[in-house]
């Protein structure tokens, strides 16, 4: 079997995941991994699938597009060969959660992500929450993998400096500490 990554983007509605997974099954694909989210009414998902021999990326995309059209599900489809391995597998990395909050202005994500890029830090997840805490307030949550070779003190200082110039409060915590601090206990 060949591995492909199939990405879907379009208007969300009930049954989208059911339609996509049904069509993948009908084409003989086995879903190996999936991530899905909804953002401002837009459905976005990435499926890693194992396809039967002889299925090209283009053939699979055509089958998915035709099946979604038949099901009247409005999604764009991109299929490409799956990448073997994952960034940082050969590196010793620690997971961190970096939050930045303050006034919303254009360029905040670009500024913070440039600091990560300069240090060779990979952003694995990013969530922006706007408007909570005031109309012009923004909260950004970056989940990042920091290689052991990175000077963590310097990274923290550069993130804090970048945040300060943009009037943002920046917090950098190891993911284990972040999760322990933000864990809600049941009564």
N, C-alpha and C. Protein backbone atom coordinates (compact mmCIF):
# COMPACT_ATOMS: atom_id res chain seq x y z
N UNK A 1 0.84 -1.19 0.00
CA UNK A 1 0.00 0.00 0.00
C UNK A 1 0.87 1.25 0.00
N UNK A 2 0.35 2.29 -0.61
CA UNK A 2 1.03 3.57 -0.68
C UNK A 2 0.38 4.52 0.32
N UNK A 3 1.17 5.42 0.87
CA UNK A 3 0.63 6.40 1.82
C UNK A 3 0.46 7.75 1.13
N UNK A 4 -0.69 8.37 1.38
CA UNK A 4 -0.98 9.70 0.87
C UNK A 4 -1.50 10.58 1.99
N UNK A 5 -1.30 11.88 1.81
CA UNK A 5 -1.90 12.88 2.68
C UNK A 5 -3.01 13.54 1.88
N UNK A 6 -4.22 13.49 2.41
CA UNK A 6 -5.37 14.10 1.74
C UNK A 6 -5.86 15.24 2.63
N UNK A 7 -5.89 16.45 2.06
CA UNK A 7 -6.32 17.64 2.80
C UNK A 7 -7.65 18.11 2.24
N UNK A 8 -8.52 18.55 3.14
CA UNK A 8 -9.87 18.99 2.77
C UNK A 8 -10.14 20.35 3.41
N UNK A 9 -10.75 21.25 2.63
CA UNK A 9 -11.08 22.58 3.14
C UNK A 9 -12.38 23.03 2.49
N UNK A 10 -13.30 23.52 3.30
CA UNK A 10 -14.56 24.02 2.76
C UNK A 10 -15.58 24.29 3.83
N UNK A 11 -16.78 24.59 3.41
CA UNK A 11 -17.86 24.94 4.33
C UNK A 11 -18.19 23.75 5.23
N UNK A 12 -18.28 24.02 6.53
CA UNK A 12 -18.62 22.97 7.49
C UNK A 12 -20.13 22.71 7.47
N UNK A 13 -20.49 21.47 7.70
CA UNK A 13 -21.89 21.08 7.88
C UNK A 13 -21.91 19.69 8.50
N UNK A 14 -23.01 19.30 9.12
CA UNK A 14 -23.08 17.94 9.67
C UNK A 14 -22.87 16.91 8.57
N UNK A 15 -22.10 15.88 8.87
CA UNK A 15 -21.88 14.79 7.93
C UNK A 15 -20.62 14.91 7.10
N UNK A 16 -19.85 15.99 7.27
CA UNK A 16 -18.65 16.16 6.46
C UNK A 16 -17.66 15.03 6.71
N UNK A 17 -17.36 14.77 7.97
CA UNK A 17 -16.40 13.70 8.30
C UNK A 17 -16.95 12.35 7.84
N UNK A 18 -18.25 12.14 8.01
CA UNK A 18 -18.86 10.88 7.57
C UNK A 18 -18.70 10.71 6.06
N UNK A 19 -18.92 11.77 5.29
CA UNK A 19 -18.79 11.69 3.83
C UNK A 19 -17.35 11.41 3.42
N UNK A 20 -16.41 12.17 3.99
CA UNK A 20 -15.01 11.99 3.62
C UNK A 20 -14.54 10.59 3.96
N UNK A 21 -14.82 10.13 5.18
CA UNK A 21 -14.34 8.80 5.60
C UNK A 21 -15.02 7.68 4.81
N UNK A 22 -16.29 7.87 4.46
CA UNK A 22 -16.99 6.86 3.64
C UNK A 22 -16.35 6.75 2.27
N UNK A 23 -16.09 7.89 1.64
CA UNK A 23 -15.49 7.88 0.30
C UNK A 23 -14.09 7.29 0.35
N UNK A 24 -13.32 7.63 1.36
CA UNK A 24 -11.98 7.04 1.49
C UNK A 24 -12.09 5.52 1.60
N UNK A 25 -13.04 5.04 2.40
CA UNK A 25 -13.24 3.59 2.54
C UNK A 25 -13.65 2.95 1.23
N UNK A 26 -14.53 3.61 0.49
CA UNK A 26 -14.99 3.07 -0.79
C UNK A 26 -13.86 3.00 -1.82
N UNK A 27 -12.86 3.84 -1.70
CA UNK A 27 -11.73 3.80 -2.63
C UNK A 27 -10.67 2.80 -2.17
N UNK A 28 -10.93 2.12 -1.05
CA UNK A 28 -10.00 1.11 -0.55
C UNK A 28 -8.93 1.67 0.37
N UNK A 29 -9.08 2.92 0.78
CA UNK A 29 -8.08 3.55 1.64
C UNK A 29 -8.34 3.26 3.11
N UNK A 30 -7.28 3.08 3.85
CA UNK A 30 -7.35 2.92 5.30
C UNK A 30 -6.83 4.21 5.93
N UNK A 31 -7.61 4.81 6.82
CA UNK A 31 -7.20 6.03 7.50
C UNK A 31 -6.21 5.66 8.59
N UNK A 32 -5.01 6.25 8.52
CA UNK A 32 -3.94 5.96 9.46
C UNK A 32 -3.86 7.03 10.55
N UNK A 33 -4.11 8.28 10.15
CA UNK A 33 -4.01 9.40 11.07
C UNK A 33 -4.91 10.52 10.54
N UNK A 34 -5.48 11.30 11.45
CA UNK A 34 -6.35 12.40 11.03
C UNK A 34 -6.32 13.52 12.06
N UNK A 35 -6.41 14.74 11.55
CA UNK A 35 -6.64 15.91 12.40
C UNK A 35 -7.67 16.76 11.70
N UNK A 36 -8.56 17.37 12.48
CA UNK A 36 -9.66 18.12 11.90
C UNK A 36 -10.01 19.27 12.83
N UNK A 37 -10.43 20.39 12.25
CA UNK A 37 -10.88 21.53 13.04
C UNK A 37 -11.89 22.33 12.24
N UNK A 38 -12.55 23.24 12.93
CA UNK A 38 -13.48 24.17 12.29
C UNK A 38 -13.03 25.57 12.70
N UNK A 39 -12.93 26.46 11.73
CA UNK A 39 -12.49 27.82 11.98
C UNK A 39 -13.41 28.76 11.21
N UNK A 40 -14.15 29.57 11.93
CA UNK A 40 -15.09 30.54 11.30
C UNK A 40 -16.00 29.87 10.28
N UNK A 41 -16.53 28.70 10.63
CA UNK A 41 -17.45 28.00 9.74
C UNK A 41 -16.79 27.22 8.62
N UNK A 42 -15.46 27.23 8.57
CA UNK A 42 -14.73 26.47 7.56
C UNK A 42 -14.21 25.18 8.17
N UNK A 43 -14.46 24.09 7.49
CA UNK A 43 -13.97 22.77 7.88
C UNK A 43 -12.59 22.59 7.29
N UNK A 44 -11.66 22.10 8.10
CA UNK A 44 -10.31 21.80 7.61
C UNK A 44 -9.87 20.48 8.20
N UNK A 45 -9.35 19.59 7.37
CA UNK A 45 -8.91 18.28 7.86
C UNK A 45 -7.75 17.78 7.02
N UNK A 46 -6.88 17.04 7.68
CA UNK A 46 -5.79 16.34 7.01
C UNK A 46 -5.89 14.87 7.39
N UNK A 47 -5.99 14.01 6.40
CA UNK A 47 -6.04 12.57 6.60
C UNK A 47 -4.78 11.96 6.01
N UNK A 48 -4.11 11.10 6.77
CA UNK A 48 -3.03 10.29 6.21
C UNK A 48 -3.66 8.92 5.97
N UNK A 49 -3.57 8.45 4.73
CA UNK A 49 -4.23 7.20 4.37
C UNK A 49 -3.27 6.25 3.67
N UNK A 50 -3.57 4.97 3.79
CA UNK A 50 -2.89 3.96 3.00
C UNK A 50 -3.84 3.60 1.87
N UNK A 51 -3.35 3.74 0.65
CA UNK A 51 -4.17 3.46 -0.53
C UNK A 51 -3.69 2.18 -1.20
N UNK A 52 -4.60 1.47 -1.86
CA UNK A 52 -4.20 0.26 -2.58
C UNK A 52 -3.17 0.58 -3.66
N UNK A 53 -2.33 -0.40 -3.95
CA UNK A 53 -1.33 -0.24 -5.02
C UNK A 53 -2.04 0.19 -6.30
N UNK A 54 -1.37 1.02 -7.06
CA UNK A 54 -1.93 1.47 -8.33
C UNK A 54 -2.73 2.76 -8.23
N UNK A 55 -3.03 3.19 -7.02
CA UNK A 55 -3.73 4.46 -6.85
C UNK A 55 -2.70 5.59 -6.87
N UNK A 56 -2.80 6.47 -7.85
CA UNK A 56 -1.93 7.65 -7.86
C UNK A 56 -2.60 8.74 -7.03
N UNK A 57 -1.84 9.75 -6.67
CA UNK A 57 -2.40 10.88 -5.91
C UNK A 57 -3.51 11.54 -6.73
N UNK A 58 -3.28 11.70 -8.03
CA UNK A 58 -4.27 12.35 -8.88
C UNK A 58 -5.55 11.51 -8.99
N UNK A 59 -5.41 10.20 -9.13
CA UNK A 59 -6.59 9.32 -9.22
C UNK A 59 -7.39 9.40 -7.92
N UNK A 60 -6.71 9.37 -6.79
CA UNK A 60 -7.40 9.45 -5.50
C UNK A 60 -8.10 10.81 -5.36
N UNK A 61 -7.43 11.90 -5.75
CA UNK A 61 -8.05 13.22 -5.68
C UNK A 61 -9.32 13.27 -6.54
N UNK A 62 -9.25 12.72 -7.75
CA UNK A 62 -10.41 12.70 -8.63
C UNK A 62 -11.57 11.93 -8.02
N UNK A 63 -11.27 10.76 -7.41
CA UNK A 63 -12.32 9.95 -6.79
C UNK A 63 -12.94 10.69 -5.60
N UNK A 64 -12.11 11.33 -4.80
CA UNK A 64 -12.62 12.07 -3.65
C UNK A 64 -13.47 13.26 -4.10
N UNK A 65 -12.99 13.99 -5.09
CA UNK A 65 -13.73 15.16 -5.58
C UNK A 65 -15.08 14.74 -6.15
N UNK A 66 -15.10 13.66 -6.94
CA UNK A 66 -16.36 13.18 -7.52
C UNK A 66 -17.31 12.69 -6.44
N UNK A 67 -16.80 11.95 -5.46
CA UNK A 67 -17.65 11.45 -4.38
C UNK A 67 -18.23 12.57 -3.53
N UNK A 68 -17.43 13.59 -3.27
CA UNK A 68 -17.93 14.73 -2.48
C UNK A 68 -18.98 15.52 -3.27
N UNK A 69 -18.77 15.68 -4.58
CA UNK A 69 -19.75 16.38 -5.42
C UNK A 69 -21.07 15.61 -5.42
N UNK A 70 -20.97 14.28 -5.54
CA UNK A 70 -22.18 13.44 -5.52
C UNK A 70 -22.91 13.56 -4.19
N UNK A 71 -22.16 13.68 -3.09
CA UNK A 71 -22.75 13.80 -1.76
C UNK A 71 -23.16 15.24 -1.45
N UNK A 72 -22.93 16.14 -2.40
CA UNK A 72 -23.22 17.56 -2.26
C UNK A 72 -22.51 18.18 -1.05
N UNK A 73 -21.23 17.81 -0.90
CA UNK A 73 -20.37 18.37 0.14
C UNK A 73 -19.33 19.23 -0.56
N UNK A 74 -19.31 20.52 -0.23
CA UNK A 74 -18.47 21.50 -0.92
C UNK A 74 -17.11 21.60 -0.23
N UNK A 75 -16.17 20.76 -0.67
CA UNK A 75 -14.82 20.77 -0.12
C UNK A 75 -13.79 20.80 -1.25
N UNK A 76 -12.72 21.56 -1.04
CA UNK A 76 -11.56 21.48 -1.92
C UNK A 76 -10.71 20.33 -1.44
N UNK A 77 -10.06 19.62 -2.37
CA UNK A 77 -9.28 18.43 -2.03
C UNK A 77 -7.87 18.57 -2.59
N UNK A 78 -6.89 18.23 -1.77
CA UNK A 78 -5.50 18.16 -2.21
C UNK A 78 -4.95 16.82 -1.74
N UNK A 79 -4.36 16.07 -2.65
CA UNK A 79 -3.77 14.77 -2.30
C UNK A 79 -2.33 14.77 -2.77
N UNK A 80 -1.44 14.33 -1.90
CA UNK A 80 -0.02 14.23 -2.24
C UNK A 80 0.60 13.07 -1.50
N UNK A 81 1.72 12.57 -2.01
CA UNK A 81 2.38 11.46 -1.29
C UNK A 81 2.72 11.88 0.14
N UNK A 82 2.50 10.98 1.07
CA UNK A 82 2.79 11.28 2.48
C UNK A 82 4.29 11.37 2.69
N UNK A 83 4.68 12.25 3.57
CA UNK A 83 6.07 12.42 3.93
C UNK A 83 6.42 11.38 4.99
N UNK A 84 7.50 10.68 4.77
CA UNK A 84 7.95 9.70 5.76
C UNK A 84 8.72 10.42 6.86
N UNK A 85 8.46 10.05 8.08
CA UNK A 85 9.16 10.67 9.20
C UNK A 85 8.51 11.98 9.59
N UNK A 86 9.08 12.62 10.57
CA UNK A 86 8.53 13.84 11.11
C UNK A 86 9.68 14.75 11.49
N UNK A 87 9.47 16.07 11.39
CA UNK A 87 10.51 17.01 11.75
C UNK A 87 10.97 16.74 13.18
N UNK A 88 12.26 16.78 13.39
CA UNK A 88 12.81 16.69 14.73
C UNK A 88 13.01 15.29 15.27
N UNK A 89 12.68 14.27 14.48
CA UNK A 89 12.84 12.89 14.98
C UNK A 89 14.28 12.59 15.35
N UNK A 90 15.21 13.20 14.60
CA UNK A 90 16.62 12.94 14.87
C UNK A 90 17.17 13.89 15.93
N UNK A 91 16.35 14.85 16.37
CA UNK A 91 16.76 15.81 17.40
C UNK A 91 16.15 15.45 18.74
N UNK A 92 16.81 15.84 19.79
CA UNK A 92 16.20 15.75 21.12
C UNK A 92 15.51 17.08 21.36
N UNK A 93 14.19 17.03 21.44
CA UNK A 93 13.40 18.26 21.58
C UNK A 93 12.53 18.18 22.82
N UNK A 94 12.22 19.33 23.37
CA UNK A 94 11.27 19.43 24.48
C UNK A 94 10.07 20.24 24.02
N UNK A 95 8.87 19.82 24.45
CA UNK A 95 7.66 20.56 24.07
C UNK A 95 7.42 21.74 25.01
N UNK A 96 7.12 22.90 24.43
CA UNK A 96 6.81 24.10 25.20
C UNK A 96 5.51 24.71 24.70
N UNK A 97 4.86 25.46 25.57
CA UNK A 97 3.69 26.23 25.21
C UNK A 97 4.05 27.70 25.43
N UNK A 98 3.91 28.48 24.39
CA UNK A 98 4.21 29.91 24.46
C UNK A 98 2.90 30.65 24.23
N UNK A 99 2.53 31.50 25.18
CA UNK A 99 1.33 32.31 25.01
C UNK A 99 1.75 33.77 24.91
N UNK A 100 1.02 34.50 24.10
CA UNK A 100 1.22 35.94 23.95
C UNK A 100 -0.15 36.58 23.92
N UNK A 101 -0.37 37.55 24.81
CA UNK A 101 -1.67 38.21 24.77
C UNK A 101 -1.51 39.71 24.98
N UNK A 102 -2.44 40.44 24.35
CA UNK A 102 -2.42 41.88 24.41
C UNK A 102 -3.22 42.46 23.26
N UNK A 103 -2.93 43.71 22.91
CA UNK A 103 -3.70 44.36 21.84
C UNK A 103 -3.46 43.69 20.48
N UNK A 104 -4.57 43.50 19.76
CA UNK A 104 -4.49 42.86 18.44
C UNK A 104 -4.03 43.87 17.40
N UNK A 105 -2.97 43.50 16.69
CA UNK A 105 -2.44 44.34 15.60
C UNK A 105 -1.92 43.42 14.51
N UNK A 106 -1.95 43.87 13.26
CA UNK A 106 -1.39 43.06 12.19
C UNK A 106 0.11 42.79 12.43
N UNK A 107 0.54 41.58 12.09
CA UNK A 107 1.96 41.24 12.17
C UNK A 107 2.40 40.55 13.44
N UNK A 108 1.50 40.33 14.40
CA UNK A 108 1.90 39.71 15.67
C UNK A 108 2.38 38.27 15.48
N UNK A 109 1.63 37.49 14.73
CA UNK A 109 2.03 36.10 14.51
C UNK A 109 3.33 36.05 13.73
N UNK A 110 3.48 36.89 12.73
CA UNK A 110 4.72 36.92 11.94
C UNK A 110 5.91 37.26 12.83
N UNK A 111 5.75 38.23 13.71
CA UNK A 111 6.86 38.65 14.57
C UNK A 111 7.28 37.53 15.52
N UNK A 112 6.32 36.89 16.16
CA UNK A 112 6.64 35.83 17.11
C UNK A 112 7.23 34.62 16.37
N UNK A 113 6.66 34.27 15.23
CA UNK A 113 7.13 33.09 14.51
C UNK A 113 8.54 33.30 13.93
N UNK A 114 8.90 34.55 13.64
CA UNK A 114 10.27 34.82 13.18
C UNK A 114 11.29 34.48 14.28
N UNK A 115 10.95 34.76 15.52
CA UNK A 115 11.84 34.42 16.63
C UNK A 115 12.02 32.91 16.69
N UNK A 116 10.93 32.17 16.59
CA UNK A 116 11.02 30.70 16.61
C UNK A 116 11.91 30.21 15.45
N UNK A 117 11.69 30.76 14.26
CA UNK A 117 12.45 30.33 13.08
C UNK A 117 13.94 30.59 13.26
N UNK A 118 14.29 31.75 13.81
CA UNK A 118 15.72 32.08 14.02
C UNK A 118 16.41 31.06 14.92
N UNK A 119 15.64 30.48 15.84
CA UNK A 119 16.21 29.53 16.80
C UNK A 119 16.02 28.07 16.39
N UNK A 120 15.44 27.83 15.23
CA UNK A 120 15.22 26.45 14.78
C UNK A 120 14.14 25.74 15.57
N UNK A 121 13.18 26.49 16.09
CA UNK A 121 12.07 25.95 16.87
C UNK A 121 10.89 25.72 15.93
N UNK A 122 10.30 24.53 16.00
CA UNK A 122 9.18 24.18 15.13
C UNK A 122 7.85 24.44 15.83
N UNK A 123 6.94 25.14 15.13
CA UNK A 123 5.59 25.37 15.65
C UNK A 123 4.74 24.17 15.24
N UNK A 124 4.24 23.43 16.23
CA UNK A 124 3.41 22.26 15.93
C UNK A 124 1.93 22.60 15.92
N UNK A 125 1.55 23.63 16.66
CA UNK A 125 0.15 24.02 16.72
C UNK A 125 0.09 25.50 17.06
N UNK A 126 -0.88 26.20 16.48
CA UNK A 126 -1.06 27.62 16.74
C UNK A 126 -2.55 27.89 16.82
N UNK A 127 -2.95 28.59 17.86
CA UNK A 127 -4.35 28.98 18.00
C UNK A 127 -4.38 30.46 18.33
N UNK A 128 -5.19 31.20 17.60
CA UNK A 128 -5.39 32.63 17.86
C UNK A 128 -6.82 32.83 18.31
N UNK A 129 -6.99 33.49 19.45
CA UNK A 129 -8.32 33.77 19.98
C UNK A 129 -8.44 35.28 20.07
N UNK A 130 -9.34 35.83 19.29
CA UNK A 130 -9.48 37.27 19.22
C UNK A 130 -10.78 37.72 19.88
N UNK A 131 -10.75 38.87 20.53
CA UNK A 131 -11.96 39.47 21.08
C UNK A 131 -12.29 39.10 22.51
N UNK A 132 -11.73 38.02 23.03
CA UNK A 132 -11.99 37.69 24.44
C UNK A 132 -11.10 38.58 25.29
N UNK A 133 -11.69 39.24 26.27
CA UNK A 133 -10.93 40.19 27.07
C UNK A 133 -10.98 41.59 26.48
N UNK A 134 -11.85 41.80 25.50
CA UNK A 134 -12.00 43.12 24.88
C UNK A 134 -11.96 43.01 23.38
N UNK A 135 -12.57 43.97 22.72
CA UNK A 135 -12.71 43.93 21.26
C UNK A 135 -11.37 43.88 20.54
N UNK A 136 -10.37 44.58 21.06
CA UNK A 136 -9.07 44.63 20.37
C UNK A 136 -8.04 43.75 21.05
N UNK A 137 -8.48 42.74 21.78
CA UNK A 137 -7.56 41.87 22.52
C UNK A 137 -7.30 40.59 21.73
N UNK A 138 -6.06 40.11 21.79
CA UNK A 138 -5.70 38.86 21.11
C UNK A 138 -4.94 37.96 22.08
N UNK A 139 -5.18 36.67 21.96
CA UNK A 139 -4.42 35.65 22.68
C UNK A 139 -3.93 34.65 21.66
N UNK A 140 -2.62 34.42 21.66
CA UNK A 140 -2.02 33.44 20.76
C UNK A 140 -1.40 32.35 21.60
N UNK A 141 -1.67 31.10 21.22
CA UNK A 141 -1.09 29.95 21.93
C UNK A 141 -0.30 29.15 20.90
N UNK A 142 1.03 29.13 21.08
CA UNK A 142 1.92 28.38 20.21
C UNK A 142 2.37 27.13 20.95
N UNK A 143 2.18 25.96 20.35
CA UNK A 143 2.78 24.74 20.88
C UNK A 143 3.99 24.47 20.00
N UNK A 144 5.17 24.44 20.64
CA UNK A 144 6.42 24.37 19.88
C UNK A 144 7.31 23.24 20.39
N UNK A 145 8.19 22.79 19.50
CA UNK A 145 9.22 21.81 19.87
C UNK A 145 10.56 22.53 19.83
N UNK A 146 11.24 22.53 20.98
CA UNK A 146 12.50 23.26 21.12
C UNK A 146 13.65 22.25 21.19
N UNK A 147 14.55 22.26 20.19
CA UNK A 147 15.70 21.36 20.24
C UNK A 147 16.57 21.65 21.47
N UNK A 148 17.18 20.59 22.02
CA UNK A 148 18.04 20.75 23.20
C UNK A 148 19.18 21.73 22.95
N UNK A 149 19.61 21.84 21.70
CA UNK A 149 20.73 22.71 21.36
C UNK A 149 20.39 24.20 21.46
N UNK A 150 19.12 24.54 21.57
CA UNK A 150 18.69 25.94 21.63
C UNK A 150 18.96 26.49 23.03
N UNK A 151 19.51 27.71 23.09
CA UNK A 151 19.71 28.41 24.36
C UNK A 151 18.34 28.92 24.80
N UNK A 152 17.72 28.21 25.74
CA UNK A 152 16.36 28.51 26.16
C UNK A 152 16.25 29.90 26.79
N UNK A 153 17.27 30.30 27.54
CA UNK A 153 17.27 31.63 28.13
C UNK A 153 17.23 32.72 27.07
N UNK A 154 18.04 32.55 26.03
CA UNK A 154 18.08 33.53 24.94
C UNK A 154 16.74 33.54 24.19
N UNK A 155 16.19 32.36 23.93
CA UNK A 155 14.88 32.28 23.26
C UNK A 155 13.83 33.03 24.08
N UNK A 156 13.79 32.79 25.39
CA UNK A 156 12.83 33.47 26.26
C UNK A 156 13.01 34.99 26.20
N UNK A 157 14.25 35.45 26.26
CA UNK A 157 14.52 36.89 26.23
C UNK A 157 14.07 37.51 24.90
N UNK A 158 14.37 36.83 23.80
CA UNK A 158 13.98 37.38 22.49
C UNK A 158 12.46 37.40 22.32
N UNK A 159 11.78 36.36 22.80
CA UNK A 159 10.32 36.35 22.73
C UNK A 159 9.74 37.47 23.60
N UNK A 160 10.28 37.64 24.81
CA UNK A 160 9.81 38.70 25.71
C UNK A 160 10.05 40.08 25.09
N UNK A 161 11.21 40.27 24.48
CA UNK A 161 11.54 41.55 23.85
C UNK A 161 10.60 41.83 22.68
N UNK A 162 10.37 40.81 21.86
CA UNK A 162 9.45 40.96 20.72
C UNK A 162 8.05 41.29 21.22
N UNK A 163 7.64 40.60 22.28
CA UNK A 163 6.33 40.88 22.86
C UNK A 163 6.25 42.28 23.44
N UNK A 164 7.28 42.70 24.14
CA UNK A 164 7.29 44.01 24.77
C UNK A 164 7.15 45.13 23.73
N UNK A 165 7.83 45.01 22.61
CA UNK A 165 7.73 46.04 21.57
C UNK A 165 6.32 46.12 20.99
N UNK A 166 5.54 45.05 21.16
CA UNK A 166 4.16 45.01 20.65
C UNK A 166 3.12 45.04 21.77
N UNK A 167 3.58 45.34 22.99
CA UNK A 167 2.70 45.45 24.17
C UNK A 167 2.00 44.13 24.48
N UNK A 168 2.71 43.02 24.29
CA UNK A 168 2.17 41.69 24.57
C UNK A 168 2.80 41.13 25.84
N UNK A 169 2.01 40.40 26.60
CA UNK A 169 2.56 39.60 27.71
C UNK A 169 2.89 38.24 27.12
N UNK A 170 4.12 37.80 27.34
CA UNK A 170 4.57 36.53 26.77
C UNK A 170 4.93 35.58 27.91
N UNK A 171 4.46 34.36 27.80
CA UNK A 171 4.78 33.31 28.77
C UNK A 171 5.34 32.11 28.02
N UNK A 172 6.42 31.54 28.54
CA UNK A 172 7.04 30.35 27.96
C UNK A 172 7.09 29.29 29.05
N UNK A 173 6.37 28.18 28.84
CA UNK A 173 6.35 27.09 29.83
C UNK A 173 6.55 25.75 29.15
N UNK A 174 7.28 24.87 29.84
CA UNK A 174 7.35 23.49 29.36
C UNK A 174 5.91 22.98 29.31
N UNK A 175 5.58 22.18 28.30
CA UNK A 175 4.20 21.71 28.15
C UNK A 175 3.69 20.98 29.38
N UNK A 176 4.54 20.18 30.04
CA UNK A 176 4.09 19.46 31.24
C UNK A 176 3.67 20.42 32.34
N UNK A 177 4.42 21.50 32.51
CA UNK A 177 4.08 22.50 33.53
C UNK A 177 2.82 23.24 33.13
N UNK A 178 2.73 23.65 31.86
CA UNK A 178 1.54 24.35 31.36
C UNK A 178 0.29 23.52 31.62
N UNK A 179 0.35 22.22 31.28
CA UNK A 179 -0.83 21.35 31.45
C UNK A 179 -1.15 21.15 32.92
N UNK A 180 -0.13 21.04 33.78
CA UNK A 180 -0.38 20.86 35.22
C UNK A 180 -1.02 22.10 35.82
N UNK A 181 -0.56 23.28 35.41
CA UNK A 181 -1.10 24.53 35.93
C UNK A 181 -2.53 24.77 35.45
N UNK A 182 -2.82 24.36 34.22
CA UNK A 182 -4.13 24.63 33.63
C UNK A 182 -5.10 23.44 33.74
N UNK A 183 -4.72 22.41 34.45
CA UNK A 183 -5.59 21.25 34.62
C UNK A 183 -6.74 21.61 35.55
N UNK A 184 -7.92 21.24 35.15
CA UNK A 184 -9.10 21.48 35.98
C UNK A 184 -9.41 20.16 36.67
N UNK A 185 -9.46 20.23 37.98
CA UNK A 185 -9.77 18.99 38.72
C UNK A 185 -11.27 18.87 38.92
N UNK A 186 -11.72 17.64 38.96
CA UNK A 186 -13.16 17.42 39.20
C UNK A 186 -13.41 17.38 40.70
N UNK A 187 -14.60 17.75 41.07
CA UNK A 187 -14.95 17.79 42.50
C UNK A 187 -15.55 16.49 42.94
